[in-house]
C-alpha atoms as a PDB file:
ATOM      1  CA  MET A   1      -5.665  21.604   0.564  1.00  0.00           C
ATOM      2  CA  SER A   2      -8.551  20.463   2.731  1.00  0.00           C
ATOM      3  CA  GLU A   3      -8.257  20.010   6.487  1.00  0.00           C
ATOM      4  CA  LYS A   4      -8.387  16.222   6.045  1.00  0.00           C
ATOM      5  CA  GLU A   5      -5.600  16.310   3.452  1.00  0.00           C
ATOM      6  CA  GLU A   6      -3.442  18.480   5.724  1.00  0.00           C
ATOM      7  CA  HIS A   7      -4.052  16.096   8.631  1.00  0.00           C
ATOM      8  CA  THR A   8      -3.098  13.124   6.435  1.00  0.00           C
ATOM      9  CA  ALA A   9       0.110  14.851   5.321  1.00  0.00           C
ATOM     10  CA  VAL A  10       1.019  15.637   8.921  1.00  0.00           C
ATOM     11  CA  ASP A  11       0.281  12.036   9.959  1.00  0.00           C
ATOM     12  CA  PHE A  12       2.462  10.715   7.127  1.00  0.00           C
ATOM     13  CA  GLU A  13       5.380  12.929   8.133  1.00  0.00           C
ATOM     14  CA  LYS A  14       4.951  11.939  11.784  1.00  0.00           C
ATOM     15  CA  ASP A  15       4.773   8.235  10.904  1.00  0.00           C
ATOM     16  CA  ILE A  16       7.914   8.447   8.740  1.00  0.00           C
ATOM     17  CA  ALA A  17       9.825  10.235  11.501  1.00  0.00           C
ATOM     18  CA  GLU A  18       8.717   7.657  14.057  1.00  0.00           C
ATOM     19  CA  LEU A  19       9.662   4.810  11.719  1.00  0.00           C
ATOM     20  CA  GLU A  20      13.121   6.321  11.156  1.00  0.00           C
ATOM     21  CA  ALA A  21      13.600   6.686  14.919  1.00  0.00           C
ATOM     22  CA  LEU A  22      12.615   3.053  15.466  1.00  0.00           C
ATOM     23  CA  VAL A  23      15.050   1.865  12.804  1.00  0.00           C
ATOM     24  CA  SER A  24      17.870   3.896  14.349  1.00  0.00           C
ATOM     25  CA  LYS A  25      17.088   2.506  17.786  1.00  0.00           C
ATOM     26  CA  MET A  26      17.026  -1.059  16.472  1.00  0.00           C
ATOM     27  CA  GLU A  27      20.262  -0.588  14.534  1.00  0.00           C
ATOM     28  CA  SER A  28      22.002   0.723  17.642  1.00  0.00           C
ATOM     29  CA  GLY A  29      21.949  -2.759  19.129  1.00  0.00           C
ATOM     30  CA  GLU A  30      20.909  -1.429  22.530  1.00  0.00           C
ATOM     31  CA  LEU A  31      17.484  -3.088  22.610  1.00  0.00           C
ATOM     32  CA  THR A  32      16.753  -6.443  24.153  1.00  0.00           C
ATOM     33  CA  LEU A  33      15.287  -9.145  21.952  1.00  0.00           C
ATOM     34  CA  GLU A  34      11.791  -8.466  23.292  1.00  0.00           C
ATOM     35  CA  GLU A  35      12.182  -4.703  22.805  1.00  0.00           C
ATOM     36  CA  SER A  36      13.431  -5.325  19.263  1.00  0.00           C
ATOM     37  CA  LEU A  37      10.431  -7.506  18.454  1.00  0.00           C
ATOM     38  CA  THR A  38       8.041  -4.907  19.847  1.00  0.00           C
ATOM     39  CA  ALA A  39       9.784  -2.160  17.872  1.00  0.00           C
ATOM     40  CA  PHE A  40       9.686  -4.302  14.721  1.00  0.00           C
ATOM     41  CA  GLU A  41       5.945  -4.929  15.106  1.00  0.00           C
ATOM     42  CA  LYS A  42       5.318  -1.226  15.582  1.00  0.00           C
ATOM     43  CA  GLY A  43       7.520  -0.461  12.566  1.00  0.00           C
ATOM     44  CA  VAL A  44       5.549  -2.846  10.361  1.00  0.00           C
ATOM     45  CA  GLY A  45       2.332  -1.074  11.344  1.00  0.00           C
ATOM     46  CA  LEU A  46       3.846   2.336  10.631  1.00  0.00           C
ATOM     47  CA  ALA A  47       5.186   1.160   7.275  1.00  0.00           C
ATOM     48  CA  ARG A  48       1.745  -0.139   6.295  1.00  0.00           C
ATOM     49  CA  ARG A  49       0.122   3.184   7.239  1.00  0.00           C
ATOM     50  CA  CYS A  50       2.728   5.049   5.195  1.00  0.00           C
ATOM     51  CA  GLN A  51       2.099   2.778   2.208  1.00  0.00           C
ATOM     52  CA  ARG A  52      -1.646   3.434   2.464  1.00  0.00           C
ATOM     53  CA  SER A  53      -1.036   7.184   2.666  1.00  0.00           C
ATOM     54  CA  LEU A  54       1.150   7.061  -0.433  1.00  0.00           C
ATOM     55  CA  ALA A  55      -1.401   4.948  -2.303  1.00  0.00           C
ATOM     56  CA  ASP A  56      -4.146   7.424  -1.380  1.00  0.00           C
ATOM     57  CA  ALA A  57      -2.011  10.341  -2.573  1.00  0.00           C
ATOM     58  CA  GLU A  58      -1.252   8.533  -5.820  1.00  0.00           C
ATOM     59  CA  ALA A  59      -4.971   7.893  -6.388  1.00  0.00           C
ATOM     60  CA  ARG A  60      -5.756  11.578  -5.795  1.00  0.00           C
ATOM     61  CA  VAL A  61      -3.080  12.633  -8.280  1.00  0.00           C
ATOM     62  CA  ALA A  62      -4.391  10.147 -10.855  1.00  0.00           C
ATOM     63  CA  LYS A  63      -7.928  11.453 -10.356  1.00  0.00           C
ATOM     64  CA  LEU A  64      -6.802  15.054 -10.801  1.00  0.00           C
ATOM     65  CA  MET A  65      -4.782  14.160 -13.885  1.00  0.00           C
ATOM     66  CA  LYS A  66      -7.802  12.382 -15.373  1.00  0.00           C
ATOM     67  CA  GLU A  67     -10.051  15.350 -14.605  1.00  0.00           C
ATOM     68  CA  MET A  68      -7.592  17.603 -16.409  1.00  0.00           C
ATOM     69  CA  ASN A  69      -7.317  15.155 -19.338  1.00  0.00           C
ATOM     70  CA  PHE A  70      -3.705  14.319 -18.509  1.00  0.00           C
ATOM     71  CA  GLU A  71      -4.298  10.605 -18.419  1.00  0.00           C
ATOM     72  CA  SER A  72      -1.288   8.483 -17.579  1.00  0.00           C
ATOM     73  CA  ASP A  73      -0.192   5.373 -19.425  1.00  0.00           C
ATOM     74  CA  ASP A  74      -0.626   3.172 -16.325  1.00  0.00           C
END
């Protein structure tokens, strides 16, 4: 795994953990409306980054499968 790939994996894990913490905090009901909105906005950004990371990983797997002649049906 390259240094960039390792960094991306670490970022993904960090983003997921932060997103889970935000969700827990919001579900606790202890945040004000403004704090909840701010947390929600941050959560949306984290979710988008996670989706991009997963899409990138999927593309890398597809590329490797193609290179090895294990083409998928998709």
